[in-house]
Amino acid sequence: MNFILKVLITGVIAYLLQGILSGVHFKDMKTAALFALVLALLNAVVKPILVILTIPVTMITLGLFLLVINALMVMLAESFFNGAQVDGFWWALAFSILLSIGSSILYSLLGGGSKN
């Protein structure tokens, strides 16, 4: 149940972020929710492999390279949809940072962080 809640929250935040970031576009809320689902699956499967492969670069940059990996995950998820568009790497980076912050705040406000 927590996974579904996290995906829905991520979809809502992603859809709302298109109003803040002019380089991010979603056709509708359904596309944003599917985008969030694909992003969650990519983060579960592809991201750990990329993190392991880039450990030396991540250590040299003191962990900042993980932001690049997050942006790449956003760009990869975007490539699966016709109704989702991110206009470039820098928009994907800004989107991934704001998406992480926004979904963390909203998830904690909705009580998702409790272990009941």
PDB file of N, CA and C in Angstrom:
ATOM      1  N   MET A   1       0.815  -1.191   0.000  1.00  0.00           N
ATOM      2  CA  MET A   1       0.000   0.000   0.000  1.00  0.00           C
ATOM      3  C   MET A   1       0.861   1.259   0.000  1.00  0.00           C
ATOM      4  N   ASN A   2       1.985   1.205   0.715  1.00  0.00           N
ATOM      5  CA  ASN A   2       2.870   2.366   0.744  1.00  0.00           C
ATOM      6  C   ASN A   2       3.429   2.665  -0.640  1.00  0.00           C
ATOM      7  N   PHE A   3       3.709   1.619  -1.425  1.00  0.00           N
ATOM      8  CA  PHE A   3       4.247   1.828  -2.771  1.00  0.00           C
ATOM      9  C   PHE A   3       3.253   2.589  -3.640  1.00  0.00           C
ATOM     10  N   ILE A   4       1.995   2.203  -3.573  1.00  0.00           N
ATOM     11  CA  ILE A   4       0.958   2.867  -4.366  1.00  0.00           C
ATOM     12  C   ILE A   4       0.811   4.321  -3.928  1.00  0.00           C
ATOM     13  N   LEU A   5       0.837   4.558  -2.618  1.00  0.00           N
ATOM     14  CA  LEU A   5       0.741   5.920  -2.102  1.00  0.00           C
ATOM     15  C   LEU A   5       1.925   6.760  -2.577  1.00  0.00           C
ATOM     16  N   LYS A   6       3.120   6.202  -2.527  1.00  0.00           N
ATOM     17  CA  LYS A   6       4.303   6.935  -2.975  1.00  0.00           C
ATOM     18  C   LYS A   6       4.233   7.251  -4.464  1.00  0.00           C
ATOM     19  N   VAL A   7       3.780   6.310  -5.269  1.00  0.00           N
ATOM     20  CA  VAL A   7       3.672   6.542  -6.712  1.00  0.00           C
ATOM     21  C   VAL A   7       2.624   7.615  -7.003  1.00  0.00           C
ATOM     22  N   LEU A   8       1.496   7.566  -6.312  1.00  0.00           N
ATOM     23  CA  LEU A   8       0.456   8.582  -6.520  1.00  0.00           C
ATOM     24  C   LEU A   8       0.933   9.965  -6.090  1.00  0.00           C
ATOM     25  N   ILE A   9       1.629  10.037  -4.971  1.00  0.00           N
ATOM     26  CA  ILE A   9       2.162  11.322  -4.511  1.00  0.00           C
ATOM     27  C   ILE A   9       3.180  11.847  -5.511  1.00  0.00           C
ATOM     28  N   THR A  10       4.045  10.978  -5.988  1.00  0.00           N
ATOM     29  CA  THR A  10       5.047  11.384  -6.974  1.00  0.00           C
ATOM     30  C   THR A  10       4.381  11.865  -8.255  1.00  0.00           C
ATOM     31  N   GLY A  11       3.320  11.191  -8.679  1.00  0.00           N
ATOM     32  CA  GLY A  11       2.586  11.607  -9.869  1.00  0.00           C
ATOM     33  C   GLY A  11       1.940  12.974  -9.701  1.00  0.00           C
ATOM     34  N   VAL A  12       1.354  13.220  -8.535  1.00  0.00           N
ATOM     35  CA  VAL A  12       0.718  14.510  -8.278  1.00  0.00           C
ATOM     36  C   VAL A  12       1.758  15.621  -8.255  1.00  0.00           C
ATOM     37  N   ILE A  13       2.869  15.384  -7.555  1.00  0.00           N
ATOM     38  CA  ILE A  13       3.933  16.393  -7.487  1.00  0.00           C
ATOM     39  C   ILE A  13       4.505  16.641  -8.877  1.00  0.00           C
ATOM     40  N   ALA A  14       4.721  15.576  -9.650  1.00  0.00           N
ATOM     41  CA  ALA A  14       5.253  15.733 -11.009  1.00  0.00           C
ATOM     42  C   ALA A  14       4.310  16.578 -11.858  1.00  0.00           C
ATOM     43  N   TYR A  15       3.016  16.320 -11.740  1.00  0.00           N
ATOM     44  CA  TYR A  15       2.042  17.081 -12.515  1.00  0.00           C
ATOM     45  C   TYR A  15       2.024  18.549 -12.095  1.00  0.00           C
ATOM     46  N   LEU A  16       2.152  18.804 -10.800  1.00  0.00           N
ATOM     47  CA  LEU A  16       2.156  20.178 -10.304  1.00  0.00           C
ATOM     48  C   LEU A  16       3.451  20.913 -10.677  1.00  0.00           C
ATOM     49  N   LEU A  17       4.547  20.190 -10.764  1.00  0.00           N
ATOM     50  CA  LEU A  17       5.825  20.829 -11.079  1.00  0.00           C
ATOM     51  C   LEU A  17       5.871  21.396 -12.495  1.00  0.00           C
ATOM     52  N   GLN A  18       5.034  20.899 -13.374  1.00  0.00           N
ATOM     53  CA  GLN A  18       5.039  21.462 -14.726  1.00  0.00           C
ATOM     54  C   GLN A  18       4.572  22.912 -14.721  1.00  0.00           C
ATOM     55  N   GLY A  19       3.838  23.311 -13.694  1.00  0.00           N
ATOM     56  CA  GLY A  19       3.440  24.702 -13.560  1.00  0.00           C
ATOM     57  C   GLY A  19       4.573  25.597 -13.078  1.00  0.00           C
ATOM     58  N   ILE A  20       5.556  25.010 -12.414  1.00  0.00           N
ATOM     59  CA  ILE A  20       6.697  25.759 -11.890  1.00  0.00           C
ATOM     60  C   ILE A  20       7.855  25.755 -12.880  1.00  0.00           C
ATOM     61  N   LEU A  21       8.107  24.603 -13.486  1.00  0.00           N
ATOM     62  CA  LEU A  21       9.227  24.447 -14.413  1.00  0.00           C
ATOM     63  C   LEU A  21       8.712  24.479 -15.849  1.00  0.00           C
ATOM     64  N   SER A  22       9.123  25.475 -16.596  1.00  0.00           N
ATOM     65  CA  SER A  22       8.625  25.616 -17.963  1.00  0.00           C
ATOM     66  C   SER A  22       9.215  24.577 -18.920  1.00  0.00           C
ATOM     67  N   GLY A  23      10.203  23.834 -18.495  1.00  0.00           N
ATOM     68  CA  GLY A  23      10.815  22.831 -19.356  1.00  0.00           C
ATOM     69  C   GLY A  23      10.282  21.430 -19.133  1.00  0.00           C
ATOM     70  N   VAL A  24       9.232  21.292 -18.318  1.00  0.00           N
ATOM     71  CA  VAL A  24       8.636  19.989 -18.022  1.00  0.00           C
ATOM     72  C   VAL A  24       7.167  20.040 -18.415  1.00  0.00           C
ATOM     73  N   HIS A  25       6.732  19.047 -19.196  1.00  0.00           N
ATOM     74  CA  HIS A  25       5.363  19.047 -19.715  1.00  0.00           C
ATOM     75  C   HIS A  25       4.753  17.645 -19.604  1.00  0.00           C
ATOM     76  N   PHE A  26       3.518  17.582 -19.117  1.00  0.00           N
ATOM     77  CA  PHE A  26       2.742  16.343 -19.095  1.00  0.00           C
ATOM     78  C   PHE A  26       1.416  16.603 -19.784  1.00  0.00           C
ATOM     79  N   LYS A  27       0.969  15.620 -20.571  1.00  0.00           N
ATOM     80  CA  LYS A  27      -0.291  15.759 -21.293  1.00  0.00           C
ATOM     81  C   LYS A  27      -1.462  15.845 -20.322  1.00  0.00           C
ATOM     82  N   ASP A  28      -1.474  14.984 -19.311  1.00  0.00           N
ATOM     83  CA  ASP A  28      -2.549  14.970 -18.325  1.00  0.00           C
ATOM     84  C   ASP A  28      -2.053  14.293 -17.050  1.00  0.00           C
ATOM     85  N   MET A  29      -2.933  14.205 -16.073  1.00  0.00           N
ATOM     86  CA  MET A  29      -2.579  13.608 -14.779  1.00  0.00           C
ATOM     87  C   MET A  29      -2.284  12.124 -14.912  1.00  0.00           C
ATOM     88  N   LYS A  30      -2.988  11.448 -15.810  1.00  0.00           N
ATOM     89  CA  LYS A  30      -2.755  10.021 -16.008  1.00  0.00           C
ATOM     90  C   LYS A  30      -1.333   9.774 -16.507  1.00  0.00           C
ATOM     91  N   THR A  31      -0.867  10.597 -17.413  1.00  0.00           N
ATOM     92  CA  THR A  31       0.497  10.470 -17.927  1.00  0.00           C
ATOM     93  C   THR A  31       1.509  10.714 -16.810  1.00  0.00           C
ATOM     94  N   ALA A  32       1.240  11.694 -15.953  1.00  0.00           N
ATOM     95  CA  ALA A  32       2.143  11.975 -14.833  1.00  0.00           C
ATOM     96  C   ALA A  32       2.181  10.803 -13.855  1.00  0.00           C
ATOM     97  N   ALA A  33       1.036  10.170 -13.611  1.00  0.00           N
ATOM     98  CA  ALA A  33       0.996   9.023 -12.707  1.00  0.00           C
ATOM     99  C   ALA A  33       1.742   7.827 -13.309  1.00  0.00           C
ATOM    100  N   LEU A  34       1.564   7.597 -14.602  1.00  0.00           N
ATOM    101  CA  LEU A  34       2.305   6.516 -15.257  1.00  0.00           C
ATOM    102  C   LEU A  34       3.798   6.816 -15.291  1.00  0.00           C
ATOM    103  N   PHE A  35       4.137   8.087 -15.492  1.00  0.00           N
ATOM    104  CA  PHE A  35       5.528   8.511 -15.439  1.00  0.00           C
ATOM    105  C   PHE A  35       6.121   8.184 -14.067  1.00  0.00           C
ATOM    106  N   ALA A  36       5.373   8.471 -13.011  1.00  0.00           N
ATOM    107  CA  ALA A  36       5.840   8.191 -11.655  1.00  0.00           C
ATOM    108  C   ALA A  36       6.040   6.696 -11.439  1.00  0.00           C
ATOM    109  N   LEU A  37       5.149   5.875 -11.996  1.00  0.00           N
ATOM    110  CA  LEU A  37       5.284   4.426 -11.873  1.00  0.00           C
ATOM    111  C   LEU A  37       6.535   3.933 -12.594  1.00  0.00           C
ATOM    112  N   VAL A  38       6.747   4.397 -13.816  1.00  0.00           N
ATOM    113  CA  VAL A  38       7.937   3.996 -14.570  1.00  0.00           C
ATOM    114  C   VAL A  38       9.201   4.487 -13.875  1.00  0.00           C
ATOM    115  N   LEU A  39       9.160   5.701 -13.346  1.00  0.00           N
ATOM    116  CA  LEU A  39      10.310   6.239 -12.627  1.00  0.00           C
ATOM    117  C   LEU A  39      10.620   5.395 -11.389  1.00  0.00           C
ATOM    118  N   ALA A  40       9.596   4.962 -10.680  1.00  0.00           N
ATOM    119  CA  ALA A  40       9.798   4.106  -9.508  1.00  0.00           C
ATOM    120  C   ALA A  40      10.422   2.772  -9.903  1.00  0.00           C
ATOM    121  N   LEU A  41       9.957   2.203 -11.001  1.00  0.00           N
ATOM    122  CA  LEU A  41      10.522   0.932 -11.462  1.00  0.00           C
ATOM    123  C   LEU A  41      11.965   1.096 -11.926  1.00  0.00           C
ATOM    124  N   LEU A  42      12.258   2.179 -12.628  1.00  0.00           N
ATOM    125  CA  LEU A  42      13.633   2.444 -13.051  1.00  0.00           C
ATOM    126  C   LEU A  42      14.547   2.675 -11.849  1.00  0.00           C
ATOM    127  N   ASN A  43      14.028   3.383 -10.857  1.00  0.00           N
ATOM    128  CA  ASN A  43      14.818   3.621  -9.652  1.00  0.00           C
ATOM    129  C   ASN A  43      15.085   2.337  -8.879  1.00  0.00           C
ATOM    130  N   ALA A  44      14.190   1.369  -9.005  1.00  0.00           N
ATOM    131  CA  ALA A  44      14.373   0.094  -8.315  1.00  0.00           C
ATOM    132  C   ALA A  44      15.297  -0.851  -9.067  1.00  0.00           C
ATOM    133  N   VAL A  45      15.332  -0.760 -10.396  1.00  0.00           N
ATOM    134  CA  VAL A  45      16.090  -1.726 -11.195  1.00  0.00           C
ATOM    135  C   VAL A  45      17.379  -1.134 -11.767  1.00  0.00           C
ATOM    136  N   VAL A  46      17.284  -0.022 -12.455  1.00  0.00           N
ATOM    137  CA  VAL A  46      18.428   0.531 -13.188  1.00  0.00           C
ATOM    138  C   VAL A  46      19.336   1.377 -12.300  1.00  0.00           C
ATOM    139  N   LYS A  47      18.736   2.178 -11.439  1.00  0.00           N
ATOM    140  CA  LYS A  47      19.530   3.108 -10.632  1.00  0.00           C
ATOM    141  C   LYS A  47      20.577   2.419  -9.759  1.00  0.00           C
ATOM    142  N   PRO A  48      20.260   1.316  -9.072  1.00  0.00           N
ATOM    143  CA  PRO A  48      21.301   0.674  -8.263  1.00  0.00           C
ATOM    144  C   PRO A  48      22.510   0.213  -9.088  1.00  0.00           C
ATOM    145  N   ILE A  49      22.252  -0.221 -10.305  1.00  0.00           N
ATOM    146  CA  ILE A  49      23.354  -0.633 -11.177  1.00  0.00           C
ATOM    147  C   ILE A  49      24.221   0.564 -11.536  1.00  0.00           C
ATOM    148  N   LEU A  50      23.587   1.681 -11.886  1.00  0.00           N
ATOM    149  CA  LEU A  50      24.339   2.894 -12.211  1.00  0.00           C
ATOM    150  C   LEU A  50      25.120   3.412 -11.011  1.00  0.00           C
ATOM    151  N   VAL A  51      24.523   3.336  -9.831  1.00  0.00           N
ATOM    152  CA  VAL A  51      25.205   3.812  -8.626  1.00  0.00           C
ATOM    153  C   VAL A  51      26.458   2.983  -8.368  1.00  0.00           C
ATOM    154  N   ILE A  52      26.349   1.678  -8.512  1.00  0.00           N
ATOM    155  CA  ILE A  52      27.508   0.806  -8.291  1.00  0.00           C
ATOM    156  C   ILE A  52      28.592   1.075  -9.337  1.00  0.00           C
ATOM    157  N   LEU A  53      28.183   1.237 -10.589  1.00  0.00           N
ATOM    158  CA  LEU A  53      29.168   1.462 -11.651  1.00  0.00           C
ATOM    159  C   LEU A  53      29.869   2.813 -11.539  1.00  0.00           C
ATOM    160  N   THR A  54      29.231   3.763 -10.886  1.00  0.00           N
ATOM    161  CA  THR A  54      29.808   5.106 -10.810  1.00  0.00           C
ATOM    162  C   THR A  54      30.321   5.456  -9.418  1.00  0.00           C
ATOM    163  N   ILE A  55      30.619   4.471  -8.610  1.00  0.00           N
ATOM    164  CA  ILE A  55      31.120   4.738  -7.254  1.00  0.00           C
ATOM    165  C   ILE A  55      32.372   5.622  -7.263  1.00  0.00           C
ATOM    166  N   PRO A  56      33.362   5.374  -8.130  1.00  0.00           N
ATOM    167  CA  PRO A  56      34.547   6.257  -8.097  1.00  0.00           C
ATOM    168  C   PRO A  56      34.208   7.728  -8.386  1.00  0.00           C
ATOM    169  N   VAL A  57      33.384   7.969  -9.392  1.00  0.00           N
ATOM    170  CA  VAL A  57      33.004   9.345  -9.728  1.00  0.00           C
ATOM    171  C   VAL A  57      32.187   9.961  -8.589  1.00  0.00           C
ATOM    172  N   THR A  58      31.308   9.173  -8.001  1.00  0.00           N
ATOM    173  CA  THR A  58      30.488   9.656  -6.894  1.00  0.00           C
ATOM    174  C   THR A  58      31.360  10.025  -5.698  1.00  0.00           C
ATOM    175  N   MET A  59      32.365   9.236  -5.435  1.00  0.00           N
ATOM    176  CA  MET A  59      33.257   9.546  -4.312  1.00  0.00           C
ATOM    177  C   MET A  59      34.072  10.807  -4.595  1.00  0.00           C
ATOM    178  N   ILE A  60      34.557  10.963  -5.815  1.00  0.00           N
ATOM    179  CA  ILE A  60      35.345  12.151  -6.161  1.00  0.00           C
ATOM    180  C   ILE A  60      34.502  13.416  -6.045  1.00  0.00           C
ATOM    181  N   THR A  61      33.244  13.331  -6.437  1.00  0.00           N
ATOM    182  CA  THR A  61      32.360  14.508  -6.396  1.00  0.00           C
ATOM    183  C   THR A  61      31.618  14.625  -5.067  1.00  0.00           C
ATOM    184  N   LEU A  62      32.008  13.811  -4.097  1.00  0.00           N
ATOM    185  CA  LEU A  62      31.393  13.825  -2.763  1.00  0.00           C
ATOM    186  C   LEU A  62      29.879  13.585  -2.811  1.00  0.00           C
ATOM    187  N   GLY A  63      29.447  12.738  -3.703  1.00  0.00           N
ATOM    188  CA  GLY A  63      28.048  12.351  -3.796  1.00  0.00           C
ATOM    189  C   GLY A  63      27.201  13.189  -4.730  1.00  0.00           C
ATOM    190  N   LEU A  64      27.751  14.276  -5.258  1.00  0.00           N
ATOM    191  CA  LEU A  64      26.951  15.129  -6.137  1.00  0.00           C
ATOM    192  C   LEU A  64      26.610  14.451  -7.462  1.00  0.00           C
ATOM    193  N   PHE A  65      27.383  13.458  -7.853  1.00  0.00           N
ATOM    194  CA  PHE A  65      27.089  12.754  -9.103  1.00  0.00           C
ATOM    195  C   PHE A  65      25.765  11.993  -9.014  1.00  0.00           C
ATOM    196  N   LEU A  66      25.304  11.714  -7.806  1.00  0.00           N
ATOM    197  CA  LEU A  66      24.003  11.052  -7.655  1.00  0.00           C
ATOM    198  C   LEU A  66      22.873  11.924  -8.194  1.00  0.00           C
ATOM    199  N   LEU A  67      23.048  13.247  -8.152  1.00  0.00           N
ATOM    200  CA  LEU A  67      22.059  14.150  -8.758  1.00  0.00           C
ATOM    201  C   LEU A  67      22.001  13.954 -10.264  1.00  0.00           C
ATOM    202  N   VAL A  68      23.162  13.723 -10.874  1.00  0.00           N
ATOM    203  CA  VAL A  68      23.220  13.458 -12.313  1.00  0.00           C
ATOM    204  C   VAL A  68      22.493  12.153 -12.627  1.00  0.00           C
ATOM    205  N   ILE A  69      22.698  11.141 -11.794  1.00  0.00           N
ATOM    206  CA  ILE A  69      22.018   9.857 -12.002  1.00  0.00           C
ATOM    207  C   ILE A  69      20.507  10.034 -11.879  1.00  0.00           C
ATOM    208  N   ASN A  70      20.057  10.838 -10.921  1.00  0.00           N
ATOM    209  CA  ASN A  70      18.621  11.104 -10.784  1.00  0.00           C
ATOM    210  C   ASN A  70      18.065  11.789 -12.032  1.00  0.00           C
ATOM    211  N   ALA A  71      18.806  12.758 -12.556  1.00  0.00           N
ATOM    212  CA  ALA A  71      18.363  13.443 -13.772  1.00  0.00           C
ATOM    213  C   ALA A  71      18.306  12.471 -14.944  1.00  0.00           C
ATOM    214  N   LEU A  72      19.271  11.579 -15.035  1.00  0.00           N
ATOM    215  CA  LEU A  72      19.261  10.573 -16.108  1.00  0.00           C
ATOM    216  C   LEU A  72      18.066   9.634 -15.975  1.00  0.00           C
ATOM    217  N   MET A  73      17.684   9.290 -14.751  1.00  0.00           N
ATOM    218  CA  MET A  73      16.508   8.444 -14.537  1.00  0.00           C
ATOM    219  C   MET A  73      15.241   9.165 -15.000  1.00  0.00           C
ATOM    220  N   VAL A  74      15.155  10.471 -14.749  1.00  0.00           N
ATOM    221  CA  VAL A  74      14.003  11.254 -15.207  1.00  0.00           C
ATOM    222  C   VAL A  74      13.965  11.275 -16.726  1.00  0.00           C
ATOM    223  N   MET A  75      15.113  11.493 -17.356  1.00  0.00           N
ATOM    224  CA  MET A  75      15.153  11.536 -18.820  1.00  0.00           C
ATOM    225  C   MET A  75      14.825  10.176 -19.429  1.00  0.00           C
ATOM    226  N   LEU A  76      15.275   9.104 -18.783  1.00  0.00           N
ATOM    227  CA  LEU A  76      14.965   7.762 -19.273  1.00  0.00           C
ATOM    228  C   LEU A  76      13.481   7.459 -19.128  1.00  0.00           C
ATOM    229  N   ALA A  77      12.878   7.822 -17.992  1.00  0.00           N
ATOM    230  CA  ALA A  77      11.443   7.601 -17.791  1.00  0.00           C
ATOM    231  C   ALA A  77      10.630   8.414 -18.787  1.00  0.00           C
ATOM    232  N   GLU A  78      11.082   9.626 -19.063  1.00  0.00           N
ATOM    233  CA  GLU A  78      10.381  10.502 -20.012  1.00  0.00           C
ATOM    234  C   GLU A  78      10.382   9.921 -21.415  1.00  0.00           C
ATOM    235  N   SER A  79      11.408   9.185 -21.754  1.00  0.00           N
ATOM    236  CA  SER A  79      11.512   8.637 -23.108  1.00  0.00           C
ATOM    237  C   SER A  79      10.471   7.539 -23.383  1.00  0.00           C
ATOM    238  N   PHE A  80       9.807   7.041 -22.353  1.00  0.00           N
ATOM    239  CA  PHE A  80       8.794   5.999 -22.529  1.00  0.00           C
ATOM    240  C   PHE A  80       7.426   6.549 -22.914  1.00  0.00           C
ATOM    241  N   PHE A  81       7.235   7.872 -22.856  1.00  0.00           N
ATOM    242  CA  PHE A  81       5.913   8.461 -23.038  1.00  0.00           C
ATOM    243  C   PHE A  81       5.916   9.522 -24.123  1.00  0.00           C
ATOM    244  N   ASN A  82       4.831   9.561 -24.903  1.00  0.00           N
ATOM    245  CA  ASN A  82       4.636  10.650 -25.856  1.00  0.00           C
ATOM    246  C   ASN A  82       4.080  11.882 -25.159  1.00  0.00           C
ATOM    247  N   GLY A  83       3.335  11.700 -24.088  1.00  0.00           N
ATOM    248  CA  GLY A  83       2.696  12.810 -23.407  1.00  0.00           C
ATOM    249  C   GLY A  83       3.542  13.462 -22.332  1.00  0.00           C
ATOM    250  N   ALA A  84       4.750  12.958 -22.110  1.00  0.00           N
ATOM    251  CA  ALA A  84       5.658  13.551 -21.125  1.00  0.00           C
ATOM    252  C   ALA A  84       6.881  14.078 -21.858  1.00  0.00           C
ATOM    253  N   GLN A  85       7.301  15.277 -21.480  1.00  0.00           N
ATOM    254  CA  GLN A  85       8.458  15.870 -22.145  1.00  0.00           C
ATOM    255  C   GLN A  85       9.270  16.682 -21.146  1.00  0.00           C
ATOM    256  N   VAL A  86      10.582  16.418 -21.135  1.00  0.00           N
ATOM    257  CA  VAL A  86      11.534  17.209 -20.362  1.00  0.00           C
ATOM    258  C   VAL A  86      12.494  17.789 -21.388  1.00  0.00           C
ATOM    259  N   ASP A  87      12.655  19.110 -21.371  1.00  0.00           N
ATOM    260  CA  ASP A  87      13.347  19.804 -22.452  1.00  0.00           C
ATOM    261  C   ASP A  87      14.864  19.688 -22.438  1.00  0.00           C
ATOM    262  N   GLY A  88      15.445  19.051 -21.470  1.00  0.00           N
ATOM    263  CA  GLY A  88      16.894  18.891 -21.468  1.00  0.00           C
ATOM    264  C   GLY A  88      17.403  18.422 -20.118  1.00  0.00           C
ATOM    265  N   PHE A  89      18.728  18.253 -20.055  1.00  0.00           N
ATOM    266  CA  PHE A  89      19.335  17.736 -18.839  1.00  0.00           C
ATOM    267  C   PHE A  89      19.109  18.656 -17.644  1.00  0.00           C
ATOM    268  N   TRP A  90      19.282  19.954 -17.824  1.00  0.00           N
ATOM    269  CA  TRP A  90      19.166  20.877 -16.697  1.00  0.00           C
ATOM    270  C   TRP A  90      17.740  20.934 -16.161  1.00  0.00           C
ATOM    271  N   TRP A  91      16.757  20.825 -17.048  1.00  0.00           N
ATOM    272  CA  TRP A  91      15.369  20.765 -16.596  1.00  0.00           C
ATOM    273  C   TRP A  91      15.125  19.455 -15.843  1.00  0.00           C
ATOM    274  N   ALA A  92      15.712  18.364 -16.326  1.00  0.00           N
ATOM    275  CA  ALA A  92      15.571  17.080 -15.641  1.00  0.00           C
ATOM    276  C   ALA A  92      16.223  17.124 -14.261  1.00  0.00           C
ATOM    277  N   LEU A  93      17.369  17.803 -14.160  1.00  0.00           N
ATOM    278  CA  LEU A  93      18.039  17.934 -12.871  1.00  0.00           C
ATOM    279  C   LEU A  93      17.185  18.741 -11.893  1.00  0.00           C
ATOM    280  N   ALA A  94      16.695  19.890 -12.337  1.00  0.00           N
ATOM    281  CA  ALA A  94      15.835  20.711 -11.475  1.00  0.00           C
ATOM    282  C   ALA A  94      14.568  19.957 -11.099  1.00  0.00           C
ATOM    283  N   PHE A  95      13.981  19.264 -12.070  1.00  0.00           N
ATOM    284  CA  PHE A  95      12.760  18.488 -11.831  1.00  0.00           C
ATOM    285  C   PHE A  95      13.008  17.393 -10.804  1.00  0.00           C
ATOM    286  N   SER A  96      14.123  16.672 -10.935  1.00  0.00           N
ATOM    287  CA  SER A  96      14.396  15.575 -10.006  1.00  0.00           C
ATOM    288  C   SER A  96      14.624  16.081  -8.587  1.00  0.00           C
ATOM    289  N   ILE A  97      15.290  17.223  -8.453  1.00  0.00           N
ATOM    290  CA  ILE A  97      15.519  17.789  -7.120  1.00  0.00           C
ATOM    291  C   ILE A  97      14.196  18.219  -6.492  1.00  0.00           C
ATOM    292  N   LEU A  98      13.392  18.976  -7.240  1.00  0.00           N
ATOM    293  CA  LEU A  98      12.110  19.448  -6.707  1.00  0.00           C
ATOM    294  C   LEU A  98      11.122  18.301  -6.479  1.00  0.00           C
ATOM    295  N   LEU A  99      11.179  17.291  -7.337  1.00  0.00           N
ATOM    296  CA  LEU A  99      10.314  16.120  -7.165  1.00  0.00           C
ATOM    297  C   LEU A  99      10.670  15.379  -5.880  1.00  0.00           C
ATOM    298  N   SER A 100      11.934  15.219  -5.610  1.00  0.00           N
ATOM    299  CA  SER A 100      12.365  14.553  -4.382  1.00  0.00           C
ATOM    300  C   SER A 100      11.933  15.328  -3.147  1.00  0.00           C
ATOM    301  N   ILE A 101      12.155  16.627  -3.167  1.00  0.00           N
ATOM    302  CA  ILE A 101      11.787  17.456  -2.013  1.00  0.00           C
ATOM    303  C   ILE A 101      10.270  17.470  -1.819  1.00  0.00           C
ATOM    304  N   GLY A 102       9.541  17.724  -2.906  1.00  0.00           N
ATOM    305  CA  GLY A 102       8.083  17.813  -2.813  1.00  0.00           C
ATOM    306  C   GLY A 102       7.425  16.518  -2.395  1.00  0.00           C
ATOM    307  N   SER A 103       7.856  15.411  -2.965  1.00  0.00           N
ATOM    308  CA  SER A 103       7.233  14.136  -2.612  1.00  0.00           C
ATOM    309  C   SER A 103       7.601  13.719  -1.190  1.00  0.00           C
ATOM    310  N   SER A 104       8.794  14.043  -0.733  1.00  0.00           N
ATOM    311  CA  SER A 104       9.175  13.740   0.649  1.00  0.00           C
ATOM    312  C   SER A 104       8.307  14.517   1.635  1.00  0.00           C
ATOM    313  N   ILE A 105       8.122  15.796   1.357  1.00  0.00           N
ATOM    314  CA  ILE A 105       7.302  16.633   2.246  1.00  0.00           C
ATOM    315  C   ILE A 105       5.863  16.149   2.263  1.00  0.00           C
ATOM    316  N   LEU A 106       5.285  15.937   1.086  1.00  0.00           N
ATOM    317  CA  LEU A 106       3.881  15.524   1.029  1.00  0.00           C
ATOM    318  C   LEU A 106       3.676  14.132   1.633  1.00  0.00           C
ATOM    319  N   TYR A 107       4.599  13.219   1.394  1.00  0.00           N
ATOM    320  CA  TYR A 107       4.480  11.871   1.943  1.00  0.00           C
ATOM    321  C   TYR A 107       4.545  11.914   3.476  1.00  0.00           C
ATOM    322  N   SER A 108       5.425  12.753   4.035  1.00  0.00           N
ATOM    323  CA  SER A 108       5.514  12.843   5.479  1.00  0.00           C
ATOM    324  C   SER A 108       4.274  13.533   6.074  1.00  0.00           C
ATOM    325  N   LEU A 109       3.712  14.507   5.352  1.00  0.00           N
ATOM    326  CA  LEU A 109       2.506  15.178   5.839  1.00  0.00           C
ATOM    327  C   LEU A 109       1.286  14.257   5.843  1.00  0.00           C
ATOM    328  N   LEU A 110       1.263  13.338   4.900  1.00  0.00           N
ATOM    329  CA  LEU A 110       0.126  12.409   4.820  1.00  0.00           C
ATOM    330  C   LEU A 110       0.282  11.217   5.753  1.00  0.00           C
ATOM    331  N   GLY A 111       1.358  11.211   6.535  1.00  0.00           N
ATOM    332  CA  GLY A 111       1.539  10.143   7.508  1.00  0.00           C
ATOM    333  C   GLY A 111       2.161   8.893   6.941  1.00  0.00           C
ATOM    334  N   GLY A 112       2.769   8.992   5.785  1.00  0.00           N
ATOM    335  CA  GLY A 112       3.398   7.829   5.173  1.00  0.00           C
ATOM    336  C   GLY A 112       4.647   7.384   5.891  1.00  0.00           C
ATOM    337  N   GLY A 113       5.221   8.269   6.683  1.00  0.00           N
ATOM    338  CA  GLY A 113       6.458   7.935   7.376  1.00  0.00           C
ATOM    339  C   GLY A 113       6.252   7.108   8.631  1.00  0.00           C
ATOM    340  N   SER A 114       5.002   7.006   9.118  1.00  0.00           N
ATOM    341  CA  SER A 114       4.753   6.231  10.345  1.00  0.00           C
ATOM    342  C   SER A 114       4.773   4.746  10.044  1.00  0.00           C
ATOM    343  N   LYS A 115       5.155   3.956  11.029  1.00  0.00           N
ATOM    344  CA  LYS A 115       5.308   2.509  10.849  1.00  0.00           C
ATOM    345  C   LYS A 115       4.147   1.750  11.458  1.00  0.00           C
ATOM    346  N   ASN A 116       2.976   2.322  11.492  1.00  0.00           N
ATOM    347  CA  ASN A 116       1.803   1.668  12.094  1.00  0.00           C
ATOM    348  C   ASN A 116       1.290   0.591  11.230  1.00  0.00           C
TER     349      ASN A 116
END
